[in-house]
Amino acid sequence: MPKLWASTASPEYDRFSASPWVHIDSGSTTCSGITMERGISDYNLEEATTRKKMIELSKEVYIVANSTKFGKDVKIAITPLDNVNAIITDANIDPSYPPQFRSIRTKLIIAD
């Protein structure tokens, strides 16, 4: 089975990230933390670097994260919320978050 994600330390990652022919219409990823101030963040440098590159190459960006990720600002910043079209989360999200998304570009989608 081919590798879907390459390590940031690999030649495959270097070729992928430098390739002028990689264009992604709609990309989705996950994260370890979401804050209104810093946006999307993660613990792992390799994963954060790969996610950041995927976001840069995508026309539309969707983050899928459970409600426990909100309010967590972890080690490595990936991207501010301005670069994210929507965040999809579960219905257990703290009720203080949905109103905060009304004044920004990023949509909050709460799954049933």
Protein backbone atom coordinates (compact mmCIF):
# COMPACT_ATOMS: atom_id res chain seq x y z
CA MET A 1 0.00 0.00 0.00
CA PRO A 2 1.46 3.45 -0.87
CA LYS A 3 2.20 5.97 1.85
CA LEU A 4 -0.46 8.66 2.06
CA TRP A 5 1.55 10.97 4.31
CA ALA A 6 5.29 11.39 4.16
CA SER A 7 7.52 12.40 7.03
CA THR A 8 8.82 15.97 6.90
CA ALA A 9 12.31 14.49 7.04
CA SER A 10 11.84 12.38 3.90
CA PRO A 11 12.66 12.99 0.24
CA GLU A 12 8.99 12.23 -0.56
CA TYR A 13 7.87 15.15 1.60
CA ASP A 14 10.38 17.47 -0.04
CA ARG A 15 9.17 16.49 -3.53
CA PHE A 16 5.52 16.82 -2.49
CA SER A 17 5.89 20.20 -0.82
CA ALA A 18 7.96 21.68 -3.66
CA SER A 19 5.84 20.30 -6.47
CA PRO A 20 4.19 22.91 -8.68
CA TRP A 21 1.56 20.41 -9.85
CA VAL A 22 0.01 19.68 -6.45
CA HIS A 23 -3.31 21.55 -6.19
CA ILE A 24 -5.95 20.55 -3.67
CA ASP A 25 -9.51 21.78 -4.11
CA SER A 26 -10.80 20.77 -0.69
CA GLY A 27 -8.55 19.51 2.09
CA SER A 28 -9.41 18.29 5.55
CA THR A 29 -7.26 17.57 8.56
CA THR A 30 -7.42 17.43 12.32
CA CYS A 31 -5.50 19.10 15.14
CA SER A 32 -4.77 18.94 18.86
CA GLY A 33 -5.84 22.47 19.76
CA ILE A 34 -8.14 25.30 18.60
CA THR A 35 -8.18 28.82 20.00
CA MET A 36 -9.69 32.01 18.65
CA GLU A 37 -6.38 33.83 19.20
CA ARG A 38 -3.82 31.41 17.71
CA GLY A 39 -6.03 29.20 15.56
CA ILE A 40 -5.10 25.59 14.91
CA SER A 41 -2.19 23.92 16.72
CA ASP A 42 -0.61 20.52 17.28
CA TYR A 43 1.89 18.68 19.48
CA ASN A 44 3.91 16.86 16.81
CA LEU A 45 6.28 18.89 14.62
CA GLU A 46 6.18 16.51 11.64
CA GLU A 47 2.39 16.31 11.63
CA ALA A 48 2.04 20.06 12.11
CA THR A 49 4.43 20.76 9.23
CA THR A 50 2.57 18.39 6.91
CA ARG A 51 -0.82 19.84 7.91
CA LYS A 52 0.45 23.37 7.38
CA LYS A 53 1.64 22.50 3.87
CA MET A 54 -1.66 20.78 3.02
CA ILE A 55 -3.53 23.89 4.17
CA GLU A 56 -1.30 26.13 2.05
CA LEU A 57 -1.98 23.98 -1.03
CA SER A 58 -5.76 23.72 -0.51
CA LYS A 59 -8.34 26.10 -1.95
CA GLU A 60 -10.77 25.16 0.84
CA VAL A 61 -9.73 23.96 4.30
CA TYR A 62 -11.83 21.96 6.75
CA ILE A 63 -10.75 20.97 10.25
CA VAL A 64 -12.43 17.96 11.87
CA ALA A 65 -11.94 18.03 15.63
CA ASN A 66 -13.92 16.91 18.63
CA SER A 67 -15.12 19.49 21.11
CA THR A 68 -12.32 18.74 23.60
CA LYS A 69 -9.82 20.50 21.28
CA PHE A 70 -11.42 23.93 21.77
CA GLY A 71 -9.61 26.20 24.19
CA LYS A 72 -6.37 24.22 23.92
CA ASP A 73 -3.31 26.08 22.66
CA VAL A 74 -0.64 23.46 22.21
CA LYS A 75 3.02 23.63 21.22
CA ILE A 76 3.10 24.19 17.46
CA ALA A 77 0.91 26.71 15.62
CA ILE A 78 -0.36 25.45 12.27
CA THR A 79 -2.52 28.27 10.93
CA PRO A 80 -4.80 31.08 12.11
CA LEU A 81 -8.56 30.59 11.80
CA ASP A 82 -8.64 33.06 8.88
CA ASN A 83 -7.12 30.30 6.72
CA VAL A 84 -9.83 27.77 7.63
CA ASN A 85 -13.19 27.61 5.84
CA ALA A 86 -14.92 25.52 8.49
CA ILE A 87 -14.41 23.51 11.64
CA ILE A 88 -16.57 20.43 12.07
CA THR A 89 -17.08 19.29 15.66
CA ASP A 90 -19.47 17.40 17.91
CA ALA A 91 -22.47 18.71 19.83
CA ASN A 92 -20.62 18.69 23.18
CA ILE A 93 -18.85 21.96 22.36
CA ASP A 94 -18.86 24.59 25.10
CA PRO A 95 -21.81 26.93 24.37
CA SER A 96 -19.52 29.97 24.56
CA TYR A 97 -17.78 29.05 21.27
CA PRO A 98 -20.54 29.17 18.62
CA PRO A 99 -21.25 32.91 19.13
CA GLN A 100 -17.53 33.70 18.70
CA PHE A 101 -17.60 32.20 15.20
CA ARG A 102 -20.36 34.54 14.01
CA SER A 103 -17.92 37.44 13.67
CA ILE A 104 -15.15 35.61 11.77
CA ARG A 105 -14.71 34.03 8.34
CA THR A 106 -14.50 30.45 9.66
CA LYS A 107 -17.80 28.57 9.90
CA LEU A 108 -18.48 26.27 12.82
CA ILE A 109 -20.38 23.13 11.87
CA ILE A 110 -21.78 21.13 14.76
CA ALA A 111 -22.57 17.53 13.89
CA ASP A 112 -25.47 15.75 15.55
